[in-house]
Amino acid sequence: MTGGQKDKAKMIVYTVGTFDLLHVGHLALLKHCKSLGDTLAVGVASDEVVNLYKPNVPVVPLEQRVEMLEALSCVDIVRPYHALEYVSGCIAVGADIFVIGEDWGTNSHNLDVDAYLKEMGKEIAQVRYNPRTSSTKIKQMVLAQSQASNRPH
C-alpha cells in the first residue's frame, strides 16, 4: 500500500446447493462461480434442508460433501446451512455476488435474499445448468443398472 490507499476489496462469490454425488456439472458451476470474483464461498444444504424441497435425502452425508468441496482448488470457503434461507449465508461470507440456478423460483426464501441483495447493492448472477449431467440422472442410471442386473436371465 502506498499513499494511504487500501487494497481493492476482494469480490466474494457465494453459491448454494446440495452437491450430492459430486460430478462434472458441479465442477463446471463452481469454476464459473470462481471466475466471477476472487473468493468462492459455497453453501451446502444439510440433509434436513434437502428434505424440504427434494423427495430423498442425499446419498452422500453432509460431512463428506463438505470435505469433497473443501478439496477443490476453486473453492475457498465451504459453509453448511441448516435452514432454508440464504440471507444469513450471504452475510456470514460477505457475499458481493450470489449465484443462482435457472430454476430459481418465487419461494419466500428466494425473495428474501433477492430483496436483501438489492438493498445492499449486491448482485445476483443466474447460471444455466449443464443438461448432460445431474445427480438425479446419475441416481436413475445406477438404479436402472441395478434393476437390470437383478432380472432373471
Protein backbone atom coordinates (compact mmCIF):
# COMPACT_ATOMS: atom_id res chain seq x y z
CA MET A 1 0.00 0.00 0.00
CA THR A 2 1.24 3.40 -0.90
CA GLY A 3 -0.11 6.85 -0.20
CA GLY A 4 -2.59 5.55 2.37
CA GLN A 5 -4.64 3.69 -0.26
CA LYS A 6 -6.35 0.48 0.73
CA ASP A 7 -6.02 -2.67 -1.33
CA LYS A 8 -9.01 -3.13 -3.59
CA ALA A 9 -11.60 -5.23 -1.77
CA LYS A 10 -11.80 -8.80 -2.97
CA MET A 11 -15.04 -9.85 -4.64
CA ILE A 12 -16.69 -12.71 -2.79
CA VAL A 13 -18.95 -15.02 -4.79
CA TYR A 14 -21.44 -17.22 -2.92
CA THR A 15 -23.48 -20.10 -4.28
CA VAL A 16 -25.53 -22.82 -2.61
CA GLY A 17 -26.57 -26.36 -3.37
CA THR A 18 -26.79 -29.96 -2.28
CA PHE A 19 -23.68 -31.17 -4.16
CA ASP A 20 -24.69 -34.81 -3.78
CA LEU A 21 -22.68 -37.25 -5.91
CA LEU A 22 -20.23 -34.53 -6.96
CA HIS A 23 -19.90 -34.55 -10.76
CA VAL A 24 -18.50 -32.55 -13.69
CA GLY A 25 -21.62 -30.36 -13.84
CA HIS A 26 -20.95 -29.26 -10.26
CA LEU A 27 -17.30 -28.64 -11.12
CA ALA A 28 -18.23 -26.52 -14.14
CA LEU A 29 -20.62 -24.47 -11.99
CA LEU A 30 -18.02 -23.92 -9.28
CA LYS A 31 -15.30 -22.94 -11.77
CA HIS A 32 -17.71 -20.47 -13.38
CA CYS A 33 -18.58 -19.02 -9.97
CA LYS A 34 -14.88 -18.63 -9.13
CA SER A 35 -14.32 -16.77 -12.41
CA LEU A 36 -16.80 -14.09 -11.27
CA GLY A 37 -14.72 -12.98 -8.29
CA ASP A 38 -11.70 -13.54 -6.08
CA THR A 39 -13.12 -15.79 -3.37
CA LEU A 40 -15.67 -18.56 -3.83
CA ALA A 41 -17.84 -19.49 -0.86
CA VAL A 42 -20.14 -22.49 -1.19
CA GLY A 43 -23.17 -23.16 0.98
CA VAL A 44 -24.00 -26.86 1.32
CA ALA A 45 -27.55 -27.88 2.26
CA SER A 46 -27.89 -30.18 5.25
CA ASP A 47 -29.96 -33.35 4.85
CA GLU A 48 -32.81 -31.68 6.78
CA VAL A 49 -32.85 -28.75 4.36
CA VAL A 50 -32.75 -31.04 1.33
CA ASN A 51 -35.80 -32.90 2.69
CA LEU A 52 -37.75 -29.64 2.47
CA TYR A 53 -37.50 -29.48 -1.33
CA LYS A 54 -36.43 -32.91 -2.61
CA PRO A 55 -38.11 -36.30 -2.12
CA ASN A 56 -34.98 -38.15 -0.93
CA VAL A 57 -32.11 -37.36 1.40
CA PRO A 58 -28.69 -37.09 -0.25
CA VAL A 59 -26.76 -40.31 -0.88
CA VAL A 60 -23.55 -38.74 0.41
CA PRO A 61 -23.64 -37.47 4.03
CA LEU A 62 -23.21 -33.73 4.64
CA GLU A 63 -19.76 -34.09 6.23
CA GLN A 64 -18.43 -35.93 3.17
CA ARG A 65 -19.99 -33.43 0.73
CA VAL A 66 -18.30 -30.64 2.69
CA GLU A 67 -14.95 -32.47 2.66
CA MET A 68 -15.08 -33.04 -1.11
CA LEU A 69 -15.89 -29.39 -1.80
CA GLU A 70 -13.08 -28.25 0.52
CA ALA A 71 -10.65 -30.35 -1.54
CA LEU A 72 -11.42 -28.45 -4.76
CA SER A 73 -8.89 -25.76 -5.63
CA CYS A 74 -11.60 -23.41 -6.97
CA VAL A 75 -13.47 -23.40 -3.63
CA ASP A 76 -12.19 -21.16 -0.83
CA ILE A 77 -14.93 -21.39 1.82
CA VAL A 78 -17.45 -24.17 2.50
CA ARG A 79 -20.36 -23.40 4.80
CA PRO A 80 -23.08 -25.94 5.63
CA TYR A 81 -26.53 -24.42 6.12
CA HIS A 82 -29.30 -25.90 8.24
CA ALA A 83 -32.28 -23.66 7.38
CA LEU A 84 -33.87 -22.93 4.03
CA GLU A 85 -32.85 -19.29 3.82
CA TYR A 86 -29.85 -17.63 2.23
CA VAL A 87 -29.56 -14.15 3.76
CA SER A 88 -27.55 -15.34 6.78
CA GLY A 89 -25.11 -17.14 4.48
CA CYS A 90 -24.64 -14.03 2.34
CA ILE A 91 -23.99 -12.00 5.49
CA ALA A 92 -21.65 -14.62 7.02
CA VAL A 93 -19.37 -14.81 3.98
CA GLY A 94 -19.71 -11.16 2.97
CA ALA A 95 -21.07 -12.04 -0.48
CA ASP A 96 -20.80 -9.49 -3.27
CA ILE A 97 -22.32 -11.82 -5.86
CA PHE A 98 -24.86 -14.57 -5.16
CA VAL A 99 -25.05 -17.18 -7.92
CA ILE A 100 -28.36 -18.95 -8.51
CA GLY A 101 -29.56 -21.62 -10.91
CA GLU A 102 -32.09 -21.24 -13.69
CA ASP A 103 -34.76 -22.95 -11.58
CA TRP A 104 -34.75 -20.08 -9.07
CA GLY A 105 -38.36 -19.61 -8.05
CA THR A 106 -40.50 -17.20 -6.08
CA ASN A 107 -40.41 -19.03 -2.75
CA SER A 108 -40.14 -16.74 0.27
CA HIS A 109 -36.52 -17.73 0.98
CA ASN A 110 -35.60 -16.75 -2.59
CA LEU A 111 -37.48 -13.46 -2.43
CA ASP A 112 -35.91 -12.62 0.95
CA VAL A 113 -32.34 -12.97 -0.30
CA ASP A 114 -33.22 -11.13 -3.52
CA ALA A 115 -34.57 -8.17 -1.51
CA TYR A 116 -31.56 -8.22 0.83
CA LEU A 117 -29.05 -8.22 -2.04
CA LYS A 118 -30.84 -5.38 -3.85
CA GLU A 119 -30.98 -3.34 -0.64
CA MET A 120 -27.24 -3.88 -0.08
CA GLY A 121 -26.34 -3.09 -3.70
CA LYS A 122 -25.09 -6.62 -4.28
CA GLU A 123 -25.51 -8.72 -7.40
CA ILE A 124 -27.39 -11.89 -8.31
CA ALA A 125 -25.93 -13.91 -11.19
CA GLN A 126 -28.05 -16.62 -12.77
CA VAL A 127 -26.43 -19.64 -14.44
CA ARG A 128 -27.80 -22.36 -16.70
CA TYR A 129 -27.49 -25.97 -15.68
CA ASN A 130 -25.49 -28.46 -17.70
CA PRO A 131 -28.22 -30.69 -19.19
CA ARG A 132 -25.80 -33.59 -19.76
CA THR A 133 -25.33 -34.47 -16.13
CA SER A 134 -27.05 -34.22 -12.79
CA SER A 135 -27.05 -36.12 -9.52
CA THR A 136 -30.63 -37.20 -10.27
CA LYS A 137 -29.61 -38.65 -13.65
CA ILE A 138 -26.70 -40.49 -12.04
CA LYS A 139 -29.01 -41.96 -9.38
CA GLN A 140 -31.53 -43.03 -12.05
CA MET A 141 -28.79 -44.70 -14.09
CA VAL A 142 -27.46 -46.60 -11.06
CA LEU A 143 -30.98 -47.73 -10.16
CA ALA A 144 -31.72 -48.86 -13.73
CA GLN A 145 -28.46 -50.82 -13.91
CA SER A 146 -29.14 -52.40 -10.53
CA GLN A 147 -32.64 -53.43 -11.58
CA ALA A 148 -31.34 -54.82 -14.89
CA SER A 149 -28.71 -56.93 -13.15
CA ASN A 150 -31.31 -58.35 -10.74
CA ARG A 151 -33.58 -59.63 -13.52
CA PRO A 152 -33.52 -63.38 -14.16
CA HIS A 153 -31.73 -64.33 -17.38
